[in-house]
């Protein structure tokens, strides 16, 4: 069976942009993110806000940005102001992240802000 990838045109353009930035800047974080976005929709990554908060608290060196190549769901609470970039956010997740002083970015914005991929962690 042939692997086709996502059919959404915006997701396809995002994947090609991420691969382009990887080739230009050599940041493997964008290549990994592009590869994770190519998974079928049934295997797409979903992360709760509570898991983001728990992972961020357990890190010794705090990154500038957390990347989720999938959907962020609104279950759980968040305490720290965190900059999060994802493919999609639910309304509740966006409210919770922004209410504590964090930012919700699309992956397009994350690539434009930080093309070299420094201080970025991918959550699965």
Protein backbone atom coordinates (compact mmCIF):
# COMPACT_ATOMS: atom_id res chain seq x y z
CA UNK A 1 0.00 0.00 0.00
CA UNK A 2 1.36 3.40 -0.96
CA UNK A 3 1.88 6.05 1.70
CA UNK A 4 0.10 9.23 0.66
CA UNK A 5 0.52 11.64 3.57
CA UNK A 6 -1.90 14.38 4.59
CA UNK A 7 -4.48 15.61 2.09
CA UNK A 8 -4.98 19.02 3.72
CA UNK A 9 -3.22 21.53 1.46
CA UNK A 10 -2.20 23.78 4.37
CA UNK A 11 -0.57 20.88 6.19
CA UNK A 12 1.28 19.89 3.02
CA UNK A 13 2.57 23.44 2.55
CA UNK A 14 3.64 23.55 6.19
CA UNK A 15 5.56 20.29 5.78
CA UNK A 16 7.36 21.60 2.71
CA UNK A 17 8.19 24.87 4.53
CA UNK A 18 9.61 22.95 7.50
CA UNK A 19 11.77 20.80 5.22
CA UNK A 20 12.97 23.91 3.39
CA UNK A 21 14.01 25.55 6.67
CA UNK A 22 15.81 22.35 7.66
CA UNK A 23 17.82 22.39 4.43
CA UNK A 24 18.63 26.09 4.73
CA UNK A 25 19.51 26.29 8.45
CA UNK A 26 20.34 22.67 9.27
CA UNK A 27 17.94 22.61 12.23
CA UNK A 28 16.93 18.99 12.70
CA UNK A 29 13.99 20.03 14.86
CA UNK A 30 12.11 21.18 11.73
CA UNK A 31 12.83 17.94 9.86
CA UNK A 32 11.59 15.88 12.81
CA UNK A 33 8.47 18.05 13.09
CA UNK A 34 7.78 17.65 9.37
CA UNK A 35 8.17 13.87 9.61
CA UNK A 36 5.76 13.73 12.56
CA UNK A 37 3.21 15.81 10.65
CA UNK A 38 3.31 13.31 7.78
CA UNK A 39 1.76 10.61 9.98
CA UNK A 40 -1.84 9.61 9.19
CA UNK A 41 -4.53 11.54 11.04
CA UNK A 42 -5.38 8.57 13.25
CA UNK A 43 -1.77 8.56 14.52
CA UNK A 44 -1.47 12.35 14.89
CA UNK A 45 -0.13 13.55 18.21
CA UNK A 46 -2.54 14.90 20.85
CA UNK A 47 -1.17 16.48 24.03
CA UNK A 48 -3.10 17.82 27.01
CA UNK A 49 -2.27 21.12 28.70
CA UNK A 50 -1.62 19.25 31.96
CA UNK A 51 1.05 17.11 30.29
CA UNK A 52 2.72 20.24 28.88
CA UNK A 53 2.83 21.77 32.35
CA UNK A 54 4.18 18.58 33.93
CA UNK A 55 6.89 18.19 31.28
CA UNK A 56 7.92 21.85 31.51
CA UNK A 57 8.20 21.65 35.32
CA UNK A 58 10.41 18.55 35.12
CA UNK A 59 12.95 20.19 32.76
CA UNK A 60 16.12 21.56 34.32
CA UNK A 61 16.95 23.94 31.47
CA UNK A 62 13.80 25.74 30.34
CA UNK A 63 13.47 26.09 26.54
CA UNK A 64 12.15 29.19 24.77
CA UNK A 65 9.44 27.25 22.98
CA UNK A 66 7.65 23.91 23.08
CA UNK A 67 6.48 22.39 19.80
CA UNK A 68 3.63 19.93 19.43
CA UNK A 69 3.26 18.55 15.88
CA UNK A 70 -0.43 17.90 16.39
CA UNK A 71 -3.34 19.08 18.54
CA UNK A 72 -3.25 20.56 22.04
CA UNK A 73 -6.24 19.61 24.17
CA UNK A 74 -7.57 21.51 27.20
CA UNK A 75 -7.44 18.87 29.93
CA UNK A 76 -5.41 19.79 33.02
CA UNK A 77 -4.02 23.01 34.45
CA UNK A 78 -0.99 25.08 33.59
CA UNK A 79 0.98 27.26 36.01
CA UNK A 80 3.92 28.74 34.10
CA UNK A 81 3.87 31.15 31.16
CA UNK A 82 4.99 28.95 28.26
CA UNK A 83 5.31 29.66 24.55
CA UNK A 84 3.70 26.75 22.73
CA UNK A 85 3.59 26.14 18.96
CA UNK A 86 1.23 23.54 17.51
CA UNK A 87 -0.72 22.56 14.44
CA UNK A 88 -4.07 23.18 16.22
CA UNK A 89 -5.33 24.31 19.61
CA UNK A 90 -8.72 23.67 21.15
CA UNK A 91 -10.52 26.74 22.53
CA UNK A 92 -10.05 25.65 26.14
CA UNK A 93 -6.36 24.91 25.67
CA UNK A 94 -5.78 28.32 24.11
CA UNK A 95 -7.65 30.04 26.96
CA UNK A 96 -5.68 28.19 29.62
CA UNK A 97 -2.27 28.87 28.07
CA UNK A 98 -2.97 32.56 27.48
CA UNK A 99 -4.60 33.11 30.90
CA UNK A 100 -1.34 32.29 32.70
CA UNK A 101 0.70 34.61 30.45
CA UNK A 102 1.83 32.14 27.79
CA UNK A 103 1.56 32.37 24.02
CA UNK A 104 -0.06 30.09 21.47
CA UNK A 105 1.69 30.10 18.10
CA UNK A 106 1.05 28.28 14.88
CA UNK A 107 3.93 26.27 13.48
CA UNK A 108 4.25 28.84 10.66
CA UNK A 109 4.93 31.56 13.25
CA UNK A 110 7.36 29.35 15.17
CA UNK A 111 9.45 28.76 12.04
CA UNK A 112 9.53 32.48 11.23
CA UNK A 113 10.45 33.49 14.81
CA UNK A 114 13.13 30.84 15.29
CA UNK A 115 14.35 29.45 11.92
CA UNK A 116 17.55 28.04 13.43
CA UNK A 117 15.55 25.92 15.91
CA UNK A 118 17.52 26.90 19.02
CA UNK A 119 16.00 26.32 22.49
CA UNK A 120 13.09 24.28 21.14
CA UNK A 121 11.72 20.99 22.46
CA UNK A 122 9.27 18.71 20.64
CA UNK A 123 6.57 17.10 22.80
CA UNK A 124 4.85 13.88 21.77
